[in-house]
């Protein structure tokens, strides 16, 4: 009995140690973190400790029990979003980034946005990721994920592989480093057959004026993401594969202040 107790204690210590290491890794370079666990009000709190809070716009609301982990941001598809009007302050000048986000769309076959760095104007530029019904740069892609940035060297775009849009919860991790091509992970798996992926542009991101959650380039006419968005994280570095796998699997910490290191499954009710 005593040996069994010691073994259990040792296992617990190891679990805490490894999860503490995950906390340290996933805090490194974190600029913005919106868990979207609010139950009221119009402010989405930034848990990165950088105070980059966002404000709910239009009919955006909270889904306190319906997120991938805890609550989520609920968008009506008709222009609602969350916005940090000062987003340009931390997006401009980035020479590397990772955006990690959970999305759940009410439908597929559309062009609705996940995030954007300016008010939508029709062009996939500046700092953006969205669902795309049909590829443009290389014809033939359908129901894919599209991203783009504008750097001091010009526009760089990405159109992923076909038929990845879904109405289930989906984890997306979009990464870039100056001079390199984009990399997209879908549910922790590399999108290794994109429809189109521009050669890397040297330089830094420029032209951003805000950080919009739930809108993209094609949402200038009163549309927006139709469904839920959860766990938005922006880093100033390219995360490694193992880190992205952790984010996609849910083996990661919540806000660490004053809490024992543990997995999401231990701390939040996981919903499919």
C-alpha atoms as a PDB file:
ATOM      1  CA  UNK A   1       0.000   0.000   0.000  1.00  0.00           C
ATOM      2  CA  UNK A   2       2.823   2.358   0.931  1.00  0.00           C
ATOM      3  CA  UNK A   3       4.650   1.624  -2.340  1.00  0.00           C
ATOM      4  CA  UNK A   4       1.473   2.254  -4.318  1.00  0.00           C
ATOM      5  CA  UNK A   5       1.018   5.603  -2.565  1.00  0.00           C
ATOM      6  CA  UNK A   6       4.633   6.589  -3.282  1.00  0.00           C
ATOM      7  CA  UNK A   7       4.221   5.628  -6.938  1.00  0.00           C
ATOM      8  CA  UNK A   8       1.054   7.719  -7.213  1.00  0.00           C
ATOM      9  CA  UNK A   9       2.789  10.673  -5.588  1.00  0.00           C
ATOM     10  CA  UNK A  10       5.787  10.330  -7.914  1.00  0.00           C
ATOM     11  CA  UNK A  11       3.490  10.210 -10.950  1.00  0.00           C
ATOM     12  CA  UNK A  12       1.700  13.349  -9.754  1.00  0.00           C
ATOM     13  CA  UNK A  13       5.000  15.192  -9.248  1.00  0.00           C
ATOM     14  CA  UNK A  14       6.122  14.278 -12.767  1.00  0.00           C
ATOM     15  CA  UNK A  15       2.797  15.431 -14.230  1.00  0.00           C
ATOM     16  CA  UNK A  16       3.072  18.772 -12.435  1.00  0.00           C
ATOM     17  CA  UNK A  17       6.697  19.154 -13.557  1.00  0.00           C
ATOM     18  CA  UNK A  18       5.960  18.502 -17.221  1.00  0.00           C
ATOM     19  CA  UNK A  19       2.908  20.716 -17.210  1.00  0.00           C
ATOM     20  CA  UNK A  20       4.888  23.487 -15.500  1.00  0.00           C
ATOM     21  CA  UNK A  21       7.388  23.254 -18.350  1.00  0.00           C
ATOM     22  CA  UNK A  22       4.488  23.550 -20.808  1.00  0.00           C
ATOM     23  CA  UNK A  23       3.291  26.672 -18.978  1.00  0.00           C
ATOM     24  CA  UNK A  24       6.710  28.298 -19.275  1.00  0.00           C
ATOM     25  CA  UNK A  25       6.979  27.422 -22.965  1.00  0.00           C
ATOM     26  CA  UNK A  26       3.523  28.614 -23.911  1.00  0.00           C
ATOM     27  CA  UNK A  27       3.932  31.888 -22.024  1.00  0.00           C
ATOM     28  CA  UNK A  28       7.106  32.722 -23.957  1.00  0.00           C
ATOM     29  CA  UNK A  29       6.404  35.422 -26.542  1.00  0.00           C
ATOM     30  CA  UNK A  30       2.670  35.569 -25.781  1.00  0.00           C
ATOM     31  CA  UNK A  31       1.272  38.956 -26.853  1.00  0.00           C
ATOM     32  CA  UNK A  32      -2.476  38.336 -26.587  1.00  0.00           C
ATOM     33  CA  UNK A  33      -4.541  35.564 -25.010  1.00  0.00           C
ATOM     34  CA  UNK A  34      -8.343  35.668 -25.100  1.00  0.00           C
ATOM     35  CA  UNK A  35      -9.876  32.615 -23.382  1.00  0.00           C
ATOM     36  CA  UNK A  36     -13.335  34.189 -23.863  1.00  0.00           C
ATOM     37  CA  UNK A  37     -14.607  32.832 -20.551  1.00  0.00           C
ATOM     38  CA  UNK A  38     -16.608  35.920 -19.604  1.00  0.00           C
ATOM     39  CA  UNK A  39     -20.275  35.582 -18.735  1.00  0.00           C
ATOM     40  CA  UNK A  40     -21.301  39.220 -19.092  1.00  0.00           C
ATOM     41  CA  UNK A  41     -20.217  42.667 -20.139  1.00  0.00           C
ATOM     42  CA  UNK A  42     -18.589  43.827 -23.372  1.00  0.00           C
ATOM     43  CA  UNK A  43     -14.903  43.334 -22.537  1.00  0.00           C
ATOM     44  CA  UNK A  44     -12.837  40.320 -23.551  1.00  0.00           C
ATOM     45  CA  UNK A  45      -9.979  40.201 -21.063  1.00  0.00           C
ATOM     46  CA  UNK A  46      -6.459  39.605 -22.304  1.00  0.00           C
ATOM     47  CA  UNK A  47      -4.822  37.023 -20.029  1.00  0.00           C
ATOM     48  CA  UNK A  48      -1.332  37.509 -21.470  1.00  0.00           C
ATOM     49  CA  UNK A  49      -0.741  40.204 -18.827  1.00  0.00           C
ATOM     50  CA  UNK A  50      -0.192  42.777 -21.585  1.00  0.00           C
ATOM     51  CA  UNK A  51      -3.631  44.353 -21.043  1.00  0.00           C
ATOM     52  CA  UNK A  52      -4.617  44.078 -24.706  1.00  0.00           C
ATOM     53  CA  UNK A  53      -8.314  43.759 -23.916  1.00  0.00           C
ATOM     54  CA  UNK A  54     -10.880  43.627 -26.733  1.00  0.00           C
ATOM     55  CA  UNK A  55     -14.390  45.035 -26.935  1.00  0.00           C
ATOM     56  CA  UNK A  56     -17.452  43.196 -28.240  1.00  0.00           C
ATOM     57  CA  UNK A  57     -19.002  44.876 -31.287  1.00  0.00           C
ATOM     58  CA  UNK A  58     -22.535  44.559 -32.656  1.00  0.00           C
ATOM     59  CA  UNK A  59     -24.418  41.478 -31.506  1.00  0.00           C
ATOM     60  CA  UNK A  60     -21.321  39.628 -30.320  1.00  0.00           C
ATOM     61  CA  UNK A  61     -22.085  37.824 -27.068  1.00  0.00           C
ATOM     62  CA  UNK A  62     -20.820  35.214 -24.642  1.00  0.00           C
ATOM     63  CA  UNK A  63     -21.492  31.505 -24.723  1.00  0.00           C
ATOM     64  CA  UNK A  64     -20.443  30.742 -21.117  1.00  0.00           C
ATOM     65  CA  UNK A  65     -20.911  26.967 -21.262  1.00  0.00           C
ATOM     66  CA  UNK A  66     -20.517  26.315 -24.986  1.00  0.00           C
ATOM     67  CA  UNK A  67     -16.842  26.857 -25.731  1.00  0.00           C
ATOM     68  CA  UNK A  68     -14.234  24.321 -26.624  1.00  0.00           C
ATOM     69  CA  UNK A  69     -12.876  24.935 -23.133  1.00  0.00           C
ATOM     70  CA  UNK A  70     -15.190  26.813 -20.797  1.00  0.00           C
ATOM     71  CA  UNK A  71     -16.864  29.716 -22.556  1.00  0.00           C
ATOM     72  CA  UNK A  72     -16.550  31.122 -26.073  1.00  0.00           C
ATOM     73  CA  UNK A  73     -17.208  34.214 -28.148  1.00  0.00           C
ATOM     74  CA  UNK A  74     -20.498  33.884 -30.034  1.00  0.00           C
ATOM     75  CA  UNK A  75     -20.830  35.723 -33.357  1.00  0.00           C
ATOM     76  CA  UNK A  76     -24.000  36.092 -35.398  1.00  0.00           C
ATOM     77  CA  UNK A  77     -22.452  36.196 -38.890  1.00  0.00           C
ATOM     78  CA  UNK A  78     -24.074  39.587 -39.461  1.00  0.00           C
ATOM     79  CA  UNK A  79     -21.244  41.950 -38.558  1.00  0.00           C
ATOM     80  CA  UNK A  80     -20.509  41.133 -34.923  1.00  0.00           C
ATOM     81  CA  UNK A  81     -16.894  40.859 -33.767  1.00  0.00           C
ATOM     82  CA  UNK A  82     -14.455  41.529 -30.956  1.00  0.00           C
ATOM     83  CA  UNK A  83     -11.987  44.366 -31.487  1.00  0.00           C
ATOM     84  CA  UNK A  84      -8.845  45.745 -29.915  1.00  0.00           C
ATOM     85  CA  UNK A  85      -8.606  49.207 -31.441  1.00  0.00           C
ATOM     86  CA  UNK A  86      -4.931  49.392 -30.422  1.00  0.00           C
ATOM     87  CA  UNK A  87      -3.974  46.112 -32.115  1.00  0.00           C
ATOM     88  CA  UNK A  88      -1.765  47.868 -34.629  1.00  0.00           C
ATOM     89  CA  UNK A  89       0.617  48.760 -31.796  1.00  0.00           C
ATOM     90  CA  UNK A  90       1.685  45.134 -31.337  1.00  0.00           C
ATOM     91  CA  UNK A  91       0.986  43.664 -34.813  1.00  0.00           C
ATOM     92  CA  UNK A  92       3.064  46.184 -36.768  1.00  0.00           C
ATOM     93  CA  UNK A  93       6.751  45.398 -36.570  1.00  0.00           C
ATOM     94  CA  UNK A  94       6.357  41.643 -36.088  1.00  0.00           C
ATOM     95  CA  UNK A  95       8.954  39.654 -38.029  1.00  0.00           C
ATOM     96  CA  UNK A  96       7.519  36.342 -36.830  1.00  0.00           C
ATOM     97  CA  UNK A  97       4.217  35.198 -35.347  1.00  0.00           C
ATOM     98  CA  UNK A  98       1.922  32.329 -34.448  1.00  0.00           C
ATOM     99  CA  UNK A  99      -1.827  32.707 -34.121  1.00  0.00           C
ATOM    100  CA  UNK A 100      -3.601  29.824 -32.393  1.00  0.00           C
ATOM    101  CA  UNK A 101      -7.402  29.714 -32.367  1.00  0.00           C
ATOM    102  CA  UNK A 102     -10.343  27.342 -31.965  1.00  0.00           C
ATOM    103  CA  UNK A 103     -13.289  27.937 -34.324  1.00  0.00           C
ATOM    104  CA  UNK A 104     -16.709  26.364 -34.795  1.00  0.00           C
ATOM    105  CA  UNK A 105     -18.687  27.520 -37.808  1.00  0.00           C
ATOM    106  CA  UNK A 106     -22.440  27.173 -38.243  1.00  0.00           C
ATOM    107  CA  UNK A 107     -21.905  26.440 -41.952  1.00  0.00           C
ATOM    108  CA  UNK A 108     -19.263  25.772 -44.610  1.00  0.00           C
ATOM    109  CA  UNK A 109     -18.609  26.995 -48.141  1.00  0.00           C
ATOM    110  CA  UNK A 110     -18.201  30.627 -47.116  1.00  0.00           C
ATOM    111  CA  UNK A 111     -15.580  33.393 -46.984  1.00  0.00           C
ATOM    112  CA  UNK A 112     -16.019  34.582 -43.400  1.00  0.00           C
ATOM    113  CA  UNK A 113     -13.110  35.899 -41.352  1.00  0.00           C
ATOM    114  CA  UNK A 114     -11.380  34.608 -38.236  1.00  0.00           C
ATOM    115  CA  UNK A 115      -9.072  37.571 -37.606  1.00  0.00           C
ATOM    116  CA  UNK A 116      -7.990  40.710 -39.436  1.00  0.00           C
ATOM    117  CA  UNK A 117      -5.642  43.643 -38.823  1.00  0.00           C
ATOM    118  CA  UNK A 118      -7.739  46.414 -40.420  1.00  0.00           C
ATOM    119  CA  UNK A 119     -11.343  47.182 -41.219  1.00  0.00           C
ATOM    120  CA  UNK A 120     -12.367  44.794 -44.035  1.00  0.00           C
ATOM    121  CA  UNK A 121     -11.914  46.222 -47.502  1.00  0.00           C
ATOM    122  CA  UNK A 122     -12.065  43.208 -49.790  1.00  0.00           C
ATOM    123  CA  UNK A 123      -8.342  42.441 -50.029  1.00  0.00           C
ATOM    124  CA  UNK A 124      -6.491  39.701 -48.150  1.00  0.00           C
ATOM    125  CA  UNK A 125      -3.707  41.900 -46.831  1.00  0.00           C
ATOM    126  CA  UNK A 126      -2.026  43.211 -43.662  1.00  0.00           C
ATOM    127  CA  UNK A 127      -2.691  40.386 -41.126  1.00  0.00           C
ATOM    128  CA  UNK A 128      -5.572  38.009 -41.719  1.00  0.00           C
ATOM    129  CA  UNK A 129      -7.001  34.479 -41.681  1.00  0.00           C
ATOM    130  CA  UNK A 130     -10.399  33.310 -42.934  1.00  0.00           C
ATOM    131  CA  UNK A 131     -12.401  30.507 -44.448  1.00  0.00           C
ATOM    132  CA  UNK A 132     -12.353  30.688 -48.271  1.00  0.00           C
ATOM    133  CA  UNK A 133     -14.985  29.059 -50.493  1.00  0.00           C
ATOM    134  CA  UNK A 134     -12.770  29.050 -53.613  1.00  0.00           C
ATOM    135  CA  UNK A 135      -9.045  29.687 -54.127  1.00  0.00           C
ATOM    136  CA  UNK A 136      -7.925  32.619 -56.233  1.00  0.00           C
ATOM    137  CA  UNK A 137      -4.132  32.579 -56.657  1.00  0.00           C
ATOM    138  CA  UNK A 138      -4.200  28.990 -57.902  1.00  0.00           C
ATOM    139  CA  UNK A 139      -7.553  27.882 -59.283  1.00  0.00           C
ATOM    140  CA  UNK A 140      -9.169  24.670 -58.112  1.00  0.00           C
ATOM    141  CA  UNK A 141      -9.197  24.922 -54.336  1.00  0.00           C
ATOM    142  CA  UNK A 142     -12.525  24.807 -52.492  1.00  0.00           C
ATOM    143  CA  UNK A 143     -13.647  25.194 -48.878  1.00  0.00           C
ATOM    144  CA  UNK A 144     -10.164  25.987 -47.585  1.00  0.00           C
ATOM    145  CA  UNK A 145      -8.415  28.293 -45.110  1.00  0.00           C
ATOM    146  CA  UNK A 146      -6.769  31.442 -46.483  1.00  0.00           C
ATOM    147  CA  UNK A 147      -4.283  33.779 -44.817  1.00  0.00           C
ATOM    148  CA  UNK A 148      -2.174  36.778 -45.746  1.00  0.00           C
ATOM    149  CA  UNK A 149       0.071  39.512 -44.411  1.00  0.00           C
ATOM    150  CA  UNK A 150       1.579  42.726 -45.688  1.00  0.00           C
ATOM    151  CA  UNK A 151       5.226  43.270 -44.825  1.00  0.00           C
ATOM    152  CA  UNK A 152       7.656  46.054 -45.616  1.00  0.00           C
ATOM    153  CA  UNK A 153       8.490  43.938 -48.717  1.00  0.00           C
ATOM    154  CA  UNK A 154       4.919  43.422 -49.931  1.00  0.00           C
ATOM    155  CA  UNK A 155       1.929  41.089 -49.662  1.00  0.00           C
ATOM    156  CA  UNK A 156       2.336  37.360 -48.942  1.00  0.00           C
ATOM    157  CA  UNK A 157      -0.641  34.973 -49.237  1.00  0.00           C
ATOM    158  CA  UNK A 158      -1.575  31.406 -48.384  1.00  0.00           C
ATOM    159  CA  UNK A 159      -4.412  29.188 -49.612  1.00  0.00           C
ATOM    160  CA  UNK A 160      -4.642  25.810 -47.906  1.00  0.00           C
ATOM    161  CA  UNK A 161      -5.772  22.435 -49.107  1.00  0.00           C
ATOM    162  CA  UNK A 162      -9.376  21.849 -50.146  1.00  0.00           C
ATOM    163  CA  UNK A 163     -12.335  20.660 -48.096  1.00  0.00           C
ATOM    164  CA  UNK A 164     -11.114  21.443 -44.606  1.00  0.00           C
ATOM    165  CA  UNK A 165     -13.975  23.737 -43.599  1.00  0.00           C
ATOM    166  CA  UNK A 166     -16.156  22.101 -40.971  1.00  0.00           C
ATOM    167  CA  UNK A 167     -19.009  22.723 -38.567  1.00  0.00           C
ATOM    168  CA  UNK A 168     -17.147  20.865 -35.793  1.00  0.00           C
ATOM    169  CA  UNK A 169     -14.657  22.456 -33.424  1.00  0.00           C
ATOM    170  CA  UNK A 170     -11.399  23.005 -35.310  1.00  0.00           C
ATOM    171  CA  UNK A 171      -8.000  24.174 -34.101  1.00  0.00           C
ATOM    172  CA  UNK A 172      -5.946  26.377 -36.424  1.00  0.00           C
ATOM    173  CA  UNK A 173      -2.348  27.481 -35.873  1.00  0.00           C
ATOM    174  CA  UNK A 174      -0.975  29.884 -38.492  1.00  0.00           C
ATOM    175  CA  UNK A 175       2.738  30.739 -38.422  1.00  0.00           C
ATOM    176  CA  UNK A 176       5.212  32.918 -40.308  1.00  0.00           C
ATOM    177  CA  UNK A 177       8.806  34.096 -40.009  1.00  0.00           C
ATOM    178  CA  UNK A 178      10.463  36.820 -42.113  1.00  0.00           C
ATOM    179  CA  UNK A 179      11.734  35.367 -45.379  1.00  0.00           C
ATOM    180  CA  UNK A 180       9.849  32.089 -45.001  1.00  0.00           C
ATOM    181  CA  UNK A 181       6.612  30.617 -46.327  1.00  0.00           C
ATOM    182  CA  UNK A 182       3.488  30.344 -44.207  1.00  0.00           C
ATOM    183  CA  UNK A 183       2.770  27.204 -42.228  1.00  0.00           C
ATOM    184  CA  UNK A 184      -0.754  26.145 -41.243  1.00  0.00           C
ATOM    185  CA  UNK A 185      -1.652  23.403 -38.787  1.00  0.00           C
ATOM    186  CA  UNK A 186      -5.203  22.076 -38.691  1.00  0.00           C
ATOM    187  CA  UNK A 187      -6.100  20.172 -35.518  1.00  0.00           C
ATOM    188  CA  UNK A 188      -2.396  19.770 -34.834  1.00  0.00           C
ATOM    189  CA  UNK A 189      -1.603  18.334 -38.268  1.00  0.00           C
ATOM    190  CA  UNK A 190       0.515  20.160 -40.848  1.00  0.00           C
ATOM    191  CA  UNK A 191      -1.399  21.318 -43.935  1.00  0.00           C
ATOM    192  CA  UNK A 192       1.229  19.797 -46.236  1.00  0.00           C
ATOM    193  CA  UNK A 193      -0.618  20.218 -49.526  1.00  0.00           C
ATOM    194  CA  UNK A 194      -1.725  23.861 -49.779  1.00  0.00           C
ATOM    195  CA  UNK A 195      -3.365  25.061 -52.958  1.00  0.00           C
ATOM    196  CA  UNK A 196      -1.013  28.061 -52.964  1.00  0.00           C
ATOM    197  CA  UNK A 197       1.787  29.343 -50.741  1.00  0.00           C
ATOM    198  CA  UNK A 198       3.772  32.443 -51.721  1.00  0.00           C
ATOM    199  CA  UNK A 199       7.526  32.536 -51.341  1.00  0.00           C
ATOM    200  CA  UNK A 200       8.550  34.203 -48.094  1.00  0.00           C
ATOM    201  CA  UNK A 201       8.781  37.964 -47.890  1.00  0.00           C
ATOM    202  CA  UNK A 202      11.547  39.568 -45.858  1.00  0.00           C
ATOM    203  CA  UNK A 203      10.625  42.339 -43.482  1.00  0.00           C
ATOM    204  CA  UNK A 204       8.119  43.208 -40.789  1.00  0.00           C
ATOM    205  CA  UNK A 205       4.330  43.405 -40.783  1.00  0.00           C
ATOM    206  CA  UNK A 206       3.039  46.875 -41.542  1.00  0.00           C
ATOM    207  CA  UNK A 207      -0.272  48.640 -42.058  1.00  0.00           C
ATOM    208  CA  UNK A 208      -2.265  47.115 -39.184  1.00  0.00           C
ATOM    209  CA  UNK A 209      -4.589  49.456 -37.309  1.00  0.00           C
ATOM    210  CA  UNK A 210      -6.455  47.067 -34.986  1.00  0.00           C
ATOM    211  CA  UNK A 211      -6.953  43.421 -34.068  1.00  0.00           C
ATOM    212  CA  UNK A 212     -10.359  42.150 -35.188  1.00  0.00           C
ATOM    213  CA  UNK A 213     -11.637  38.740 -34.079  1.00  0.00           C
ATOM    214  CA  UNK A 214     -14.432  37.315 -36.211  1.00  0.00           C
ATOM    215  CA  UNK A 215     -13.928  39.389 -39.360  1.00  0.00           C
ATOM    216  CA  UNK A 216     -11.810  39.051 -42.485  1.00  0.00           C
ATOM    217  CA  UNK A 217     -11.246  40.700 -45.836  1.00  0.00           C
ATOM    218  CA  UNK A 218     -14.670  39.794 -47.251  1.00  0.00           C
ATOM    219  CA  UNK A 219     -16.671  40.970 -44.245  1.00  0.00           C
ATOM    220  CA  UNK A 220     -16.932  44.636 -45.167  1.00  0.00           C
ATOM    221  CA  UNK A 221     -20.588  44.391 -46.157  1.00  0.00           C
ATOM    222  CA  UNK A 222     -22.004  43.573 -42.750  1.00  0.00           C
ATOM    223  CA  UNK A 223     -21.001  39.932 -42.437  1.00  0.00           C
ATOM    224  CA  UNK A 224     -18.732  38.179 -39.933  1.00  0.00           C
ATOM    225  CA  UNK A 225     -17.877  34.749 -38.569  1.00  0.00           C
ATOM    226  CA  UNK A 226     -21.024  32.618 -38.145  1.00  0.00           C
ATOM    227  CA  UNK A 227     -20.582  30.638 -34.939  1.00  0.00           C
ATOM    228  CA  UNK A 228     -18.101  30.391 -32.081  1.00  0.00           C
ATOM    229  CA  UNK A 229     -14.462  31.381 -31.565  1.00  0.00           C
ATOM    230  CA  UNK A 230     -12.411  30.336 -28.533  1.00  0.00           C
ATOM    231  CA  UNK A 231      -8.883  30.460 -27.109  1.00  0.00           C
ATOM    232  CA  UNK A 232      -7.255  33.113 -29.317  1.00  0.00           C
ATOM    233  CA  UNK A 233      -3.491  33.360 -28.793  1.00  0.00           C
ATOM    234  CA  UNK A 234      -1.014  35.622 -30.616  1.00  0.00           C
ATOM    235  CA  UNK A 235       2.747  35.072 -30.236  1.00  0.00           C
ATOM    236  CA  UNK A 236       5.711  37.074 -31.501  1.00  0.00           C
ATOM    237  CA  UNK A 237       7.500  33.855 -32.506  1.00  0.00           C
ATOM    238  CA  UNK A 238       6.938  30.652 -34.444  1.00  0.00           C
ATOM    239  CA  UNK A 239       5.799  27.919 -32.075  1.00  0.00           C
ATOM    240  CA  UNK A 240       7.335  24.479 -32.428  1.00  0.00           C
ATOM    241  CA  UNK A 241       5.370  21.437 -33.546  1.00  0.00           C
ATOM    242  CA  UNK A 242       5.123  20.035 -30.014  1.00  0.00           C
ATOM    243  CA  UNK A 243       3.801  23.324 -28.677  1.00  0.00           C
ATOM    244  CA  UNK A 244       1.160  23.439 -31.404  1.00  0.00           C
ATOM    245  CA  UNK A 245       0.241  19.819 -30.742  1.00  0.00           C
ATOM    246  CA  UNK A 246      -0.267  20.755 -27.088  1.00  0.00           C
ATOM    247  CA  UNK A 247      -2.551  23.638 -27.984  1.00  0.00           C
ATOM    248  CA  UNK A 248      -4.517  21.451 -30.390  1.00  0.00           C
ATOM    249  CA  UNK A 249      -4.867  18.556 -27.953  1.00  0.00           C
ATOM    250  CA  UNK A 250      -5.887  20.618 -24.954  1.00  0.00           C
ATOM    251  CA  UNK A 251      -2.823  19.641 -22.909  1.00  0.00           C
ATOM    252  CA  UNK A 252      -2.048  23.151 -21.792  1.00  0.00           C
ATOM    253  CA  UNK A 253      -2.521  25.412 -18.800  1.00  0.00           C
ATOM    254  CA  UNK A 254      -5.164  27.983 -18.101  1.00  0.00           C
ATOM    255  CA  UNK A 255      -4.073  31.324 -16.704  1.00  0.00           C
ATOM    256  CA  UNK A 256      -1.295  30.179 -14.402  1.00  0.00           C
ATOM    257  CA  UNK A 257      -1.474  32.823 -11.667  1.00  0.00           C
ATOM    258  CA  UNK A 258      -2.278  31.137  -8.383  1.00  0.00           C
ATOM    259  CA  UNK A 259      -3.230  27.823  -9.976  1.00  0.00           C
ATOM    260  CA  UNK A 260      -1.608  24.417  -9.952  1.00  0.00           C
ATOM    261  CA  UNK A 261      -0.226  23.368 -13.310  1.00  0.00           C
ATOM    262  CA  UNK A 262      -2.666  20.958 -14.939  1.00  0.00           C
ATOM    263  CA  UNK A 263      -4.287  20.123 -18.229  1.00  0.00           C
ATOM    264  CA  UNK A 264      -7.386  21.770 -19.636  1.00  0.00           C
ATOM    265  CA  UNK A 265      -9.215  18.495 -19.078  1.00  0.00           C
ATOM    266  CA  UNK A 266      -8.498  18.803 -15.359  1.00  0.00           C
ATOM    267  CA  UNK A 267      -9.504  22.432 -15.065  1.00  0.00           C
ATOM    268  CA  UNK A 268     -12.284  23.026 -17.557  1.00  0.00           C
ATOM    269  CA  UNK A 269     -15.121  20.931 -18.813  1.00  0.00           C
ATOM    270  CA  UNK A 270     -14.139  19.886 -22.324  1.00  0.00           C
ATOM    271  CA  UNK A 271     -16.968  20.026 -24.825  1.00  0.00           C
ATOM    272  CA  UNK A 272     -17.025  18.423 -28.263  1.00  0.00           C
END
